[in-house]
Amino acid sequence: MLHISSLPVKAANEGNRDAQPGALTRERPIGQLLCQAKNLLPSQVDQILAHQRQHGGRFGEVAIALGLATEEDILEALAKQFEYPYVRFGDSGIDAELVCACDPFGEDAQSFRELRDELLTGVLDKAAPRALAVLSPQIGDGRSYVAANLAVTCAQLGGRTLLVDANMRTPRLHALFGIDDSVGLSKLLCGGVREVVQQAPVPSLFLLGAGPPPPNPLELLQRSTFSKLCREWLARFDFVVVDTPAASYGPDARVIAAAAGAALAVARPQVTRIAELQRLLSSIEKGPAALAGVVMNEH
């Protein structure tokens, strides 16, 4: 569970201002979509309709009750009906931590949507384009979990979204999405490659992995190349989210946040030490990055 009460940005308006859902898909009833996806026989459809007439209930609910469909089938049909990106867990190689892709209508996904919308009306307002660096004091606080799911929710708005793994010390994003990490940011920063962005299994989402761990990650990040890359990403993508190393490793996260332009801190209730969190926030506030605030991660 993600709690966002400590995020000091204004409340957001629910909904998508940019995406334009197709009327044809919206107008197709979920029963029709479900029949097409599950290849239900006419006799099975008649069975569902007969149960509906006798007992009531929605088509999808009755199909589940009769064992003719699963909850995942209903989620997939709903996603198609409302043109909402959905990835069936197990079919794409992505990790179950990507709750916004695997369970887009669940409670955790809703928390991430609320967080996204507050950020988009705050530090990520289009009037001042910024990338968002996700930071935390220690290993295991959930930076990758938060960054990855935030990126998925941004992609679900329909805009091109780039998720960057700038944690060249202990990268995780390639494992969460099940993609190759043999090339990535480390090689890009040292001039070893030119284009290493990969399409993620989620529509409109692109991923730049960390690449092979370099012996000098901080020095690579401090080069002007990284700031230049951030500007280029903002010109090419609608949203840019950047994962970072734990602040306990040193100033990597602060350097990344300064280049990105905006920062979001992650903490764990009853785990994160207040003094460590305060030091991290103070270091960000002294730099040029706009600080969104803190989210409490109970995942």
Protein backbone atom coordinates (compact mmCIF):
# COMPACT_ATOMS: atom_id res chain seq x y z
CA MET A 1 0.00 0.00 0.00
CA LEU A 2 1.15 3.52 -0.80
CA HIS A 3 0.19 6.50 1.34
CA ILE A 4 0.45 9.94 -0.23
CA SER A 5 -0.86 12.17 2.56
CA SER A 6 2.58 13.66 3.10
CA LEU A 7 2.94 14.79 -0.51
CA PRO A 8 2.78 18.60 -0.46
CA VAL A 9 1.21 19.21 -3.86
CA LYS A 10 -2.28 20.37 -4.76
CA ALA A 11 -5.11 17.93 -5.34
CA ALA A 12 -5.54 16.58 -8.84
CA ASN A 13 -8.52 16.29 -11.13
CA GLU A 14 -9.32 12.65 -11.82
CA GLY A 15 -9.19 11.53 -15.43
CA ASN A 16 -7.10 11.85 -18.54
CA ARG A 17 -6.90 15.20 -20.25
CA ASP A 18 -4.87 13.95 -23.21
CA ALA A 19 -6.00 10.47 -24.19
CA GLN A 20 -8.93 10.17 -26.64
CA PRO A 21 -10.64 6.78 -26.15
CA GLY A 22 -12.14 5.25 -29.29
CA ALA A 23 -15.92 5.37 -29.38
CA LEU A 24 -16.22 2.01 -31.15
CA THR A 25 -14.39 0.14 -28.40
CA ARG A 26 -16.24 2.00 -25.62
CA GLU A 27 -19.62 1.15 -27.11
CA ARG A 28 -18.93 -2.58 -27.35
CA PRO A 29 -20.56 -4.28 -24.33
CA ILE A 30 -18.27 -6.18 -22.03
CA GLY A 31 -20.25 -9.36 -22.73
CA GLN A 32 -19.34 -9.16 -26.40
CA LEU A 33 -15.67 -8.54 -25.62
CA LEU A 34 -15.62 -11.40 -23.13
CA CYS A 35 -17.25 -13.80 -25.61
CA GLN A 36 -14.68 -12.89 -28.22
CA ALA A 37 -11.73 -13.26 -25.81
CA LYS A 38 -12.90 -16.57 -24.31
CA ASN A 39 -14.47 -18.02 -27.48
CA LEU A 40 -17.64 -18.82 -25.53
CA LEU A 41 -20.06 -21.17 -27.27
CA PRO A 42 -23.60 -19.95 -28.01
CA SER A 43 -24.88 -22.49 -25.49
CA GLN A 44 -22.58 -21.00 -22.80
CA VAL A 45 -23.77 -17.49 -23.59
CA ASP A 46 -27.38 -18.71 -23.31
CA GLN A 47 -26.49 -20.26 -19.95
CA ILE A 48 -25.14 -16.93 -18.67
CA LEU A 49 -28.15 -14.99 -19.98
CA ALA A 50 -30.59 -17.45 -18.44
CA HIS A 51 -28.83 -17.13 -15.07
CA GLN A 52 -28.97 -13.34 -15.39
CA ARG A 53 -32.72 -13.38 -16.04
CA GLN A 54 -33.34 -15.64 -13.07
CA HIS A 55 -30.90 -14.25 -10.51
CA GLY A 56 -29.70 -10.90 -11.87
CA GLY A 57 -26.09 -9.78 -11.83
CA ARG A 58 -23.69 -8.50 -14.45
CA PHE A 59 -22.62 -10.62 -17.40
CA GLY A 60 -19.01 -10.86 -16.21
CA GLU A 61 -19.98 -11.69 -12.62
CA VAL A 62 -22.30 -14.46 -13.78
CA ALA A 63 -19.64 -15.86 -16.12
CA ILE A 64 -17.22 -16.11 -13.17
CA ALA A 65 -19.85 -17.69 -10.93
CA LEU A 66 -20.58 -20.35 -13.57
CA GLY A 67 -16.88 -21.07 -14.09
CA LEU A 68 -16.91 -19.79 -17.66
CA ALA A 69 -14.44 -16.94 -17.04
CA THR A 70 -11.93 -15.76 -14.46
CA GLU A 71 -11.42 -12.42 -12.77
CA GLU A 72 -8.40 -11.86 -15.04
CA ASP A 73 -10.64 -12.40 -18.07
CA ILE A 74 -12.99 -9.70 -16.78
CA LEU A 75 -10.10 -7.31 -16.14
CA GLU A 76 -8.83 -7.86 -19.66
CA ALA A 77 -12.30 -7.27 -21.15
CA LEU A 78 -12.76 -4.10 -19.09
CA ALA A 79 -9.35 -2.85 -20.17
CA LYS A 80 -10.27 -3.40 -23.82
CA GLN A 81 -13.66 -1.75 -23.36
CA PHE A 82 -12.10 1.42 -21.94
CA GLU A 83 -8.84 1.20 -23.93
CA TYR A 84 -6.81 0.88 -20.75
CA PRO A 85 -3.37 -0.80 -21.02
CA TYR A 86 -3.45 -4.13 -19.21
CA VAL A 87 -0.81 -6.85 -19.03
CA ARG A 88 -1.88 -10.33 -18.00
CA PHE A 89 0.57 -11.47 -15.32
CA GLY A 90 2.66 -14.42 -16.46
CA ASP A 91 2.20 -13.78 -20.18
CA SER A 92 4.78 -11.01 -20.60
CA GLY A 93 7.60 -11.82 -18.20
CA ILE A 94 6.95 -8.78 -16.00
CA ASP A 95 7.09 -8.99 -12.22
CA ALA A 96 4.02 -9.00 -9.97
CA GLU A 97 5.39 -5.81 -8.31
CA LEU A 98 4.11 -3.92 -11.35
CA VAL A 99 0.64 -3.72 -9.85
CA CYS A 100 -0.47 -0.90 -12.13
CA ALA A 101 0.05 -3.15 -15.16
CA CYS A 102 -1.07 -6.50 -13.73
CA ASP A 103 -3.96 -5.27 -11.57
CA PRO A 104 -4.86 -1.82 -12.94
CA PHE A 105 -8.20 -1.63 -11.11
CA GLY A 106 -6.86 -2.72 -7.71
CA GLU A 107 -6.41 -0.61 -4.59
CA ASP A 108 -2.64 -0.28 -4.94
CA ALA A 109 -2.95 0.85 -8.56
CA GLN A 110 -5.50 3.46 -7.50
CA SER A 111 -3.00 4.84 -4.96
CA PHE A 112 -0.43 5.23 -7.72
CA ARG A 113 -2.94 6.99 -9.96
CA GLU A 114 -3.68 9.46 -7.16
CA LEU A 115 0.05 10.04 -6.71
CA ARG A 116 0.55 10.51 -10.44
CA ASP A 117 -2.27 13.04 -10.70
CA GLU A 118 -0.97 15.08 -7.77
CA LEU A 119 2.49 15.15 -9.32
CA LEU A 120 1.11 16.22 -12.71
CA THR A 121 -0.58 19.22 -11.13
CA GLY A 122 2.50 19.99 -9.04
CA VAL A 123 6.18 19.52 -9.83
CA LEU A 124 5.46 17.81 -13.17
CA ASP A 125 3.17 20.52 -14.50
CA LYS A 126 3.82 20.90 -18.24
CA ALA A 127 4.47 24.62 -17.82
CA ALA A 128 7.92 23.67 -16.52
CA PRO A 129 8.97 20.33 -18.07
CA ARG A 130 10.90 18.18 -15.58
CA ALA A 131 11.91 14.58 -15.20
CA LEU A 132 11.10 12.98 -11.84
CA ALA A 133 13.88 11.31 -9.82
CA VAL A 134 12.67 8.83 -7.18
CA LEU A 135 14.95 8.76 -4.12
CA SER A 136 15.13 7.17 -0.68
CA PRO A 137 17.62 6.96 2.21
CA GLN A 138 18.32 3.21 2.22
CA ILE A 139 18.29 0.02 0.16
CA GLY A 140 14.91 -1.72 0.24
CA ASP A 141 12.77 1.40 0.68
CA GLY A 142 10.91 0.72 -2.57
CA ARG A 143 12.33 3.25 -5.03
CA SER A 144 12.14 0.86 -8.00
CA TYR A 145 8.64 -0.25 -7.02
CA VAL A 146 7.42 3.35 -6.88
CA ALA A 147 9.30 4.54 -9.98
CA ALA A 148 8.16 1.61 -12.12
CA ASN A 149 4.50 1.82 -11.16
CA LEU A 150 4.44 5.59 -11.53
CA ALA A 151 5.85 5.20 -15.04
CA VAL A 152 3.18 2.63 -15.88
CA THR A 153 0.41 5.00 -14.74
CA CYS A 154 1.88 7.79 -16.85
CA ALA A 155 1.93 5.49 -19.87
CA GLN A 156 -1.70 4.61 -19.18
CA LEU A 157 -2.57 8.26 -19.85
CA GLY A 158 -1.52 7.61 -23.44
CA GLY A 159 1.62 9.77 -23.43
CA ARG A 160 5.04 8.42 -24.39
CA THR A 161 6.77 7.60 -21.10
CA LEU A 162 10.44 6.85 -20.45
CA LEU A 163 11.56 4.99 -17.34
CA VAL A 164 15.29 5.33 -16.70
CA ASP A 165 17.29 3.10 -14.36
CA ALA A 166 20.03 5.46 -13.16
CA ASN A 167 20.86 3.10 -10.30
CA MET A 168 24.10 1.79 -11.76
CA ARG A 169 25.02 0.21 -8.40
CA THR A 170 22.11 -2.14 -7.68
CA PRO A 171 19.73 -1.92 -10.68
CA ARG A 172 16.34 -3.68 -10.58
CA LEU A 173 14.13 -2.31 -13.34
CA HIS A 174 15.36 -4.72 -16.02
CA ALA A 175 14.35 -7.64 -13.76
CA LEU A 176 10.91 -6.15 -13.05
CA PHE A 177 10.16 -5.81 -16.76
CA GLY A 178 12.03 -8.89 -17.95
CA ILE A 179 14.23 -7.09 -20.48
CA ASP A 180 17.88 -7.27 -21.52
CA ASP A 181 20.31 -5.15 -19.48
CA SER A 182 23.51 -5.86 -21.38
CA VAL A 183 23.44 -2.29 -22.69
CA GLY A 184 22.02 0.74 -20.94
CA LEU A 185 22.77 4.05 -19.27
CA SER A 186 26.33 3.19 -18.23
CA LYS A 187 27.37 2.51 -21.83
CA LEU A 188 25.44 5.52 -23.05
CA LEU A 189 27.27 7.83 -20.63
CA CYS A 190 30.69 6.57 -21.61
CA GLY A 191 29.94 6.81 -25.33
CA GLY A 192 29.83 3.08 -25.95
CA VAL A 193 26.42 3.16 -27.65
CA ARG A 194 24.06 5.73 -29.15
CA GLU A 195 20.51 4.35 -28.69
CA VAL A 196 19.61 1.88 -25.97
CA VAL A 197 15.94 2.64 -25.18
CA GLN A 198 13.73 -0.48 -25.28
CA GLN A 199 9.99 -0.88 -25.64
CA ALA A 200 8.51 -2.19 -22.38
CA PRO A 201 5.68 -4.77 -22.34
CA VAL A 202 3.28 -1.92 -21.43
CA PRO A 203 1.97 0.21 -24.33
CA SER A 204 3.50 3.73 -24.56
CA LEU A 205 6.20 2.81 -22.00
CA PHE A 206 9.90 2.72 -22.88
CA LEU A 207 12.75 1.60 -20.64
CA LEU A 208 16.40 2.55 -20.43
CA GLY A 209 18.19 0.02 -18.25
CA ALA A 210 21.23 0.76 -16.12
CA GLY A 211 23.58 -1.35 -18.24
CA PRO A 212 26.67 -3.13 -16.94
CA PRO A 213 27.75 -1.80 -13.49
CA PRO A 214 30.64 0.66 -14.01
CA PRO A 215 33.47 1.20 -11.50
CA ASN A 216 32.74 4.97 -11.44
CA PRO A 217 28.96 5.56 -11.46
CA LEU A 218 29.14 8.91 -9.66
CA GLU A 219 31.74 10.33 -12.04
CA LEU A 220 29.65 9.23 -15.04
CA LEU A 221 26.57 10.96 -13.62
CA GLN A 222 28.50 14.16 -12.91
CA ARG A 223 29.51 14.54 -16.53
CA SER A 224 27.55 17.09 -18.53
CA THR A 225 26.37 14.19 -20.71
CA PHE A 226 23.77 13.11 -18.16
CA SER A 227 22.18 16.57 -17.91
CA LYS A 228 22.15 16.77 -21.69
CA LEU A 229 20.46 13.38 -21.90
CA CYS A 230 17.75 14.51 -19.48
CA ARG A 231 16.97 17.48 -21.70
CA GLU A 232 16.86 15.25 -24.78
CA TRP A 233 14.51 12.79 -23.05
CA LEU A 234 12.13 15.59 -22.07
CA ALA A 235 12.03 16.71 -25.71
CA ARG A 236 11.24 13.17 -26.95
CA PHE A 237 8.88 11.90 -24.24
CA ASP A 238 5.82 13.23 -22.46
CA PHE A 239 6.91 11.81 -19.08
CA VAL A 240 10.32 10.80 -17.74
CA VAL A 241 10.76 8.91 -14.46
CA VAL A 242 14.23 8.09 -13.10
CA ASP A 243 15.14 5.42 -10.54
CA THR A 244 18.19 6.18 -8.36
CA PRO A 245 20.58 4.43 -5.94
CA ALA A 246 19.92 4.66 -2.21
CA ALA A 247 21.26 7.88 -0.68
CA SER A 248 23.38 5.71 1.64
CA TYR A 249 25.66 5.03 -1.36
CA GLY A 250 26.65 8.69 -1.57
CA PRO A 251 25.65 11.73 -3.64
CA ASP A 252 24.50 9.81 -6.77
CA ALA A 253 20.82 10.42 -6.06
CA ARG A 254 21.34 14.13 -5.40
CA VAL A 255 23.25 14.52 -8.69
CA ILE A 256 20.50 12.67 -10.58
CA ALA A 257 17.76 14.80 -9.02
CA ALA A 258 19.56 18.02 -9.93
CA ALA A 259 19.75 16.95 -13.58
CA ALA A 260 16.18 15.64 -13.63
CA GLY A 261 14.64 18.80 -12.20
CA ALA A 262 12.20 17.19 -9.75
CA ALA A 263 12.49 14.71 -6.89
CA LEU A 264 10.17 12.44 -4.94
CA ALA A 265 11.35 10.77 -1.73
CA VAL A 266 10.20 7.31 -0.62
CA ALA A 267 10.17 6.18 3.01
CA ARG A 268 8.94 3.13 4.93
CA PRO A 269 6.78 3.49 8.06
CA GLN A 270 8.47 2.16 11.20
CA VAL A 271 11.64 1.45 9.18
CA THR A 272 13.05 4.69 7.76
CA ARG A 273 14.97 6.75 10.30
CA ILE A 274 13.71 10.31 10.50
CA ALA A 275 17.23 11.73 10.71
CA GLU A 276 18.27 9.96 7.49
CA LEU A 277 15.16 11.13 5.68
CA GLN A 278 15.66 14.70 6.87
CA ARG A 279 19.26 14.67 5.63
CA LEU A 280 18.10 13.46 2.21
CA LEU A 281 15.37 16.10 1.96
CA SER A 282 17.73 18.84 3.10
CA SER A 283 20.31 17.87 0.46
CA ILE A 284 17.64 18.02 -2.27
CA GLU A 285 16.28 21.35 -1.09
CA LYS A 286 19.75 22.87 -1.32
CA GLY A 287 19.94 21.94 -5.00
CA PRO A 288 17.98 23.05 -8.08
CA ALA A 289 15.47 20.18 -8.08
CA ALA A 290 11.83 20.85 -7.14
CA LEU A 291 10.96 18.61 -4.21
CA ALA A 292 7.52 16.97 -4.49
CA GLY A 293 7.59 15.57 -0.97
CA VAL A 294 7.53 12.13 0.61
CA VAL A 295 5.41 9.04 -0.03
CA MET A 296 5.13 6.29 2.57
CA ASN A 297 5.56 2.83 1.06
CA GLU A 298 4.10 -0.17 2.90
CA HIS A 299 4.59 -2.63 0.05
